[in-house]
């Protein structure tokens, strides 16, 4: 079962409250997404740790309801 982009965004925002999230459905199939997540919570963390935070926010849906997610994370400028 595919996930809606707004559901992915909601889960990430619930897990990382200050996150700015941009979701793009790459194929229009509700199964392959790209996400850009910007959060001050990522400061001081390496890329792997940042991605782990996002996967944790997705509550185990990655690999199940959410088949593929091209993930880009960053810290807001000036933080």
N, C-alpha and C. Protein backbone atom coordinates (compact mmCIF):
# COMPACT_ATOMS: atom_id res chain seq x y z
N UNK A 1 0.84 -1.19 0.00
CA UNK A 1 0.00 0.00 0.00
C UNK A 1 0.88 1.25 0.00
N UNK A 2 0.61 2.16 -0.90
CA UNK A 2 1.39 3.38 -1.05
C UNK A 2 1.04 4.41 0.02
N UNK A 3 1.96 5.34 0.25
CA UNK A 3 1.74 6.43 1.19
C UNK A 3 1.52 7.72 0.40
N UNK A 4 0.72 8.60 0.97
CA UNK A 4 0.51 9.92 0.40
C UNK A 4 1.66 10.84 0.86
N UNK A 5 2.02 11.79 0.02
CA UNK A 5 3.09 12.73 0.35
C UNK A 5 2.77 13.49 1.64
N UNK A 6 1.52 13.87 1.83
CA UNK A 6 1.17 14.63 3.04
C UNK A 6 1.31 13.78 4.30
N UNK A 7 1.15 12.47 4.19
CA UNK A 7 1.34 11.59 5.33
C UNK A 7 2.83 11.50 5.70
N UNK A 8 3.69 11.43 4.70
CA UNK A 8 5.14 11.41 4.93
C UNK A 8 5.56 12.71 5.62
N UNK A 9 5.08 13.82 5.08
CA UNK A 9 5.40 15.13 5.65
C UNK A 9 4.93 15.24 7.09
N UNK A 10 3.72 14.79 7.36
CA UNK A 10 3.15 14.85 8.72
C UNK A 10 4.00 14.04 9.70
N UNK A 11 4.38 12.83 9.32
CA UNK A 11 5.19 12.00 10.21
C UNK A 11 6.54 12.64 10.50
N UNK A 12 7.17 13.20 9.48
CA UNK A 12 8.47 13.84 9.69
C UNK A 12 8.32 15.05 10.60
N UNK A 13 7.29 15.86 10.38
CA UNK A 13 7.07 17.05 11.22
C UNK A 13 6.74 16.67 12.67
N UNK A 14 6.02 15.57 12.85
CA UNK A 14 5.73 15.12 14.22
C UNK A 14 6.99 14.66 14.92
N UNK A 15 7.88 13.98 14.19
CA UNK A 15 9.12 13.47 14.77
C UNK A 15 10.20 14.51 14.91
N UNK A 16 10.18 15.50 14.03
CA UNK A 16 11.18 16.58 14.04
C UNK A 16 10.38 17.89 13.93
N UNK A 17 9.87 18.40 15.04
CA UNK A 17 8.89 19.50 15.02
C UNK A 17 9.31 20.77 14.28
N UNK A 18 10.61 21.11 14.25
CA UNK A 18 10.99 22.35 13.58
C UNK A 18 11.31 22.14 12.10
N UNK A 19 11.11 20.94 11.60
CA UNK A 19 11.53 20.60 10.23
C UNK A 19 10.73 21.36 9.17
N UNK A 20 11.48 21.78 8.15
CA UNK A 20 10.87 22.26 6.91
C UNK A 20 11.00 21.09 5.95
N UNK A 21 9.88 20.63 5.42
CA UNK A 21 9.86 19.41 4.63
C UNK A 21 9.31 19.69 3.25
N UNK A 22 10.03 19.23 2.23
CA UNK A 22 9.56 19.30 0.86
C UNK A 22 9.54 17.87 0.33
N UNK A 23 8.38 17.45 -0.17
CA UNK A 23 8.22 16.09 -0.69
C UNK A 23 7.88 16.16 -2.17
N UNK A 24 8.51 15.30 -2.95
CA UNK A 24 8.20 15.21 -4.38
C UNK A 24 7.94 13.75 -4.73
N UNK A 25 6.81 13.50 -5.39
CA UNK A 25 6.49 12.15 -5.88
C UNK A 25 7.23 11.97 -7.20
N UNK A 26 8.27 11.15 -7.20
CA UNK A 26 9.16 11.05 -8.35
C UNK A 26 8.54 10.39 -9.57
N UNK A 27 7.64 9.45 -9.37
CA UNK A 27 7.06 8.72 -10.49
C UNK A 27 5.56 8.90 -10.63
N UNK A 28 4.95 9.58 -9.67
CA UNK A 28 3.50 9.75 -9.70
C UNK A 28 2.76 8.50 -9.27
N UNK A 29 3.50 7.56 -8.66
CA UNK A 29 2.88 6.29 -8.26
C UNK A 29 2.63 6.18 -6.76
N UNK A 30 2.98 7.24 -6.00
CA UNK A 30 2.78 7.20 -4.56
C UNK A 30 3.71 6.21 -3.87
N UNK A 31 4.77 5.80 -4.54
CA UNK A 31 5.65 4.78 -4.01
C UNK A 31 7.13 5.19 -4.02
N UNK A 32 7.47 6.20 -4.81
CA UNK A 32 8.85 6.65 -4.95
C UNK A 32 8.90 8.16 -4.74
N UNK A 33 9.47 8.57 -3.62
CA UNK A 33 9.49 9.98 -3.26
C UNK A 33 10.91 10.50 -3.08
N UNK A 34 11.04 11.80 -3.18
CA UNK A 34 12.24 12.51 -2.77
C UNK A 34 11.81 13.46 -1.66
N UNK A 35 12.62 13.57 -0.63
CA UNK A 35 12.31 14.46 0.48
C UNK A 35 13.54 15.30 0.81
N UNK A 36 13.30 16.59 1.03
CA UNK A 36 14.35 17.48 1.52
C UNK A 36 13.87 17.96 2.89
N UNK A 37 14.66 17.69 3.90
CA UNK A 37 14.29 18.03 5.28
C UNK A 37 15.36 18.95 5.84
N UNK A 38 14.93 20.11 6.31
CA UNK A 38 15.82 21.10 6.90
C UNK A 38 15.43 21.27 8.36
N UNK A 39 16.39 21.09 9.27
CA UNK A 39 16.08 21.20 10.69
C UNK A 39 17.31 21.61 11.49
N UNK A 40 17.11 22.48 12.47
CA UNK A 40 18.19 22.84 13.39
C UNK A 40 18.59 21.65 14.25
N UNK A 41 17.70 20.68 14.40
CA UNK A 41 18.00 19.48 15.18
C UNK A 41 19.13 18.66 14.55
N UNK A 42 19.44 18.91 13.29
CA UNK A 42 20.51 18.19 12.60
C UNK A 42 21.89 18.77 12.90
N UNK A 43 21.94 19.94 13.53
CA UNK A 43 23.23 20.60 13.78
C UNK A 43 24.14 19.69 14.61
N UNK A 44 25.38 19.54 14.15
CA UNK A 44 26.36 18.73 14.86
C UNK A 44 26.26 17.24 14.57
N UNK A 45 25.30 16.86 13.74
CA UNK A 45 25.13 15.46 13.39
C UNK A 45 25.63 15.23 11.97
N UNK A 46 26.21 14.06 11.74
CA UNK A 46 26.65 13.75 10.39
C UNK A 46 25.44 13.33 9.54
N UNK A 47 25.65 13.17 8.26
CA UNK A 47 24.57 12.87 7.32
C UNK A 47 23.82 11.58 7.70
N UNK A 48 24.56 10.57 8.10
CA UNK A 48 23.93 9.29 8.48
C UNK A 48 23.02 9.50 9.69
N UNK A 49 23.49 10.22 10.68
CA UNK A 49 22.68 10.49 11.88
C UNK A 49 21.43 11.29 11.52
N UNK A 50 21.57 12.26 10.62
CA UNK A 50 20.42 13.06 10.19
C UNK A 50 19.39 12.16 9.52
N UNK A 51 19.85 11.29 8.63
CA UNK A 51 18.92 10.39 7.93
C UNK A 51 18.27 9.43 8.91
N UNK A 52 19.01 8.96 9.89
CA UNK A 52 18.44 8.07 10.90
C UNK A 52 17.31 8.77 11.67
N UNK A 53 17.48 10.06 11.93
CA UNK A 53 16.42 10.82 12.61
C UNK A 53 15.14 10.85 11.77
N UNK A 54 15.30 11.03 10.46
CA UNK A 54 14.13 11.06 9.58
C UNK A 54 13.49 9.68 9.52
N UNK A 55 14.30 8.63 9.38
CA UNK A 55 13.74 7.27 9.33
C UNK A 55 13.00 6.94 10.62
N UNK A 56 13.54 7.37 11.75
CA UNK A 56 12.86 7.14 13.03
C UNK A 56 11.50 7.85 13.04
N UNK A 57 11.47 9.07 12.51
CA UNK A 57 10.21 9.82 12.45
C UNK A 57 9.17 9.11 11.58
N UNK A 58 9.63 8.33 10.61
CA UNK A 58 8.72 7.62 9.71
C UNK A 58 8.13 6.36 10.36
N UNK A 59 8.51 6.07 11.58
CA UNK A 59 7.90 5.03 12.40
C UNK A 59 7.83 3.66 11.73
N UNK A 60 8.92 3.24 11.12
CA UNK A 60 8.97 1.91 10.54
C UNK A 60 8.26 1.74 9.21
N UNK A 61 7.77 2.83 8.65
CA UNK A 61 7.06 2.73 7.37
C UNK A 61 8.00 2.62 6.18
N UNK A 62 9.26 3.03 6.36
CA UNK A 62 10.25 2.93 5.28
C UNK A 62 10.49 1.46 4.97
N UNK A 63 10.34 1.11 3.70
CA UNK A 63 10.51 -0.28 3.29
C UNK A 63 9.22 -1.07 3.33
N UNK A 64 8.20 -0.51 3.94
CA UNK A 64 6.89 -1.15 3.99
C UNK A 64 5.93 -0.34 3.13
N UNK A 65 5.16 0.55 3.75
CA UNK A 65 4.25 1.41 2.98
C UNK A 65 5.00 2.36 2.06
N UNK A 66 6.18 2.75 2.50
CA UNK A 66 7.01 3.68 1.73
C UNK A 66 8.15 2.89 1.10
N UNK A 67 8.07 2.68 -0.18
CA UNK A 67 9.03 1.81 -0.87
C UNK A 67 10.39 2.47 -1.07
N UNK A 68 10.41 3.71 -1.57
CA UNK A 68 11.68 4.36 -1.89
C UNK A 68 11.62 5.84 -1.53
N UNK A 69 12.67 6.30 -0.85
CA UNK A 69 12.75 7.71 -0.45
C UNK A 69 14.17 8.21 -0.69
N UNK A 70 14.32 9.09 -1.66
CA UNK A 70 15.60 9.77 -1.89
C UNK A 70 15.64 10.93 -0.89
N UNK A 71 16.52 10.84 0.06
CA UNK A 71 16.51 11.76 1.20
C UNK A 71 17.69 12.72 1.16
N UNK A 72 17.37 14.00 1.32
CA UNK A 72 18.39 15.04 1.45
C UNK A 72 18.09 15.81 2.72
N UNK A 73 19.09 15.96 3.58
CA UNK A 73 18.90 16.67 4.85
C UNK A 73 19.91 17.81 4.94
N UNK A 74 19.54 18.84 5.71
CA UNK A 74 20.46 19.95 5.93
C UNK A 74 20.04 20.75 7.15
N UNK A 75 21.00 21.55 7.63
CA UNK A 75 20.77 22.47 8.74
C UNK A 75 20.43 23.82 8.15
N UNK A 76 19.47 24.56 8.72
CA UNK A 76 19.16 25.89 8.19
C UNK A 76 20.39 26.80 8.22
N UNK A 77 20.48 27.69 7.26
CA UNK A 77 21.59 28.63 7.24
C UNK A 77 21.53 29.52 8.47
N UNK A 78 22.69 29.83 9.01
CA UNK A 78 22.77 30.72 10.14
C UNK A 78 22.62 30.01 11.48
N UNK A 79 22.49 28.68 11.46
CA UNK A 79 22.35 27.93 12.71
C UNK A 79 23.66 27.29 13.08
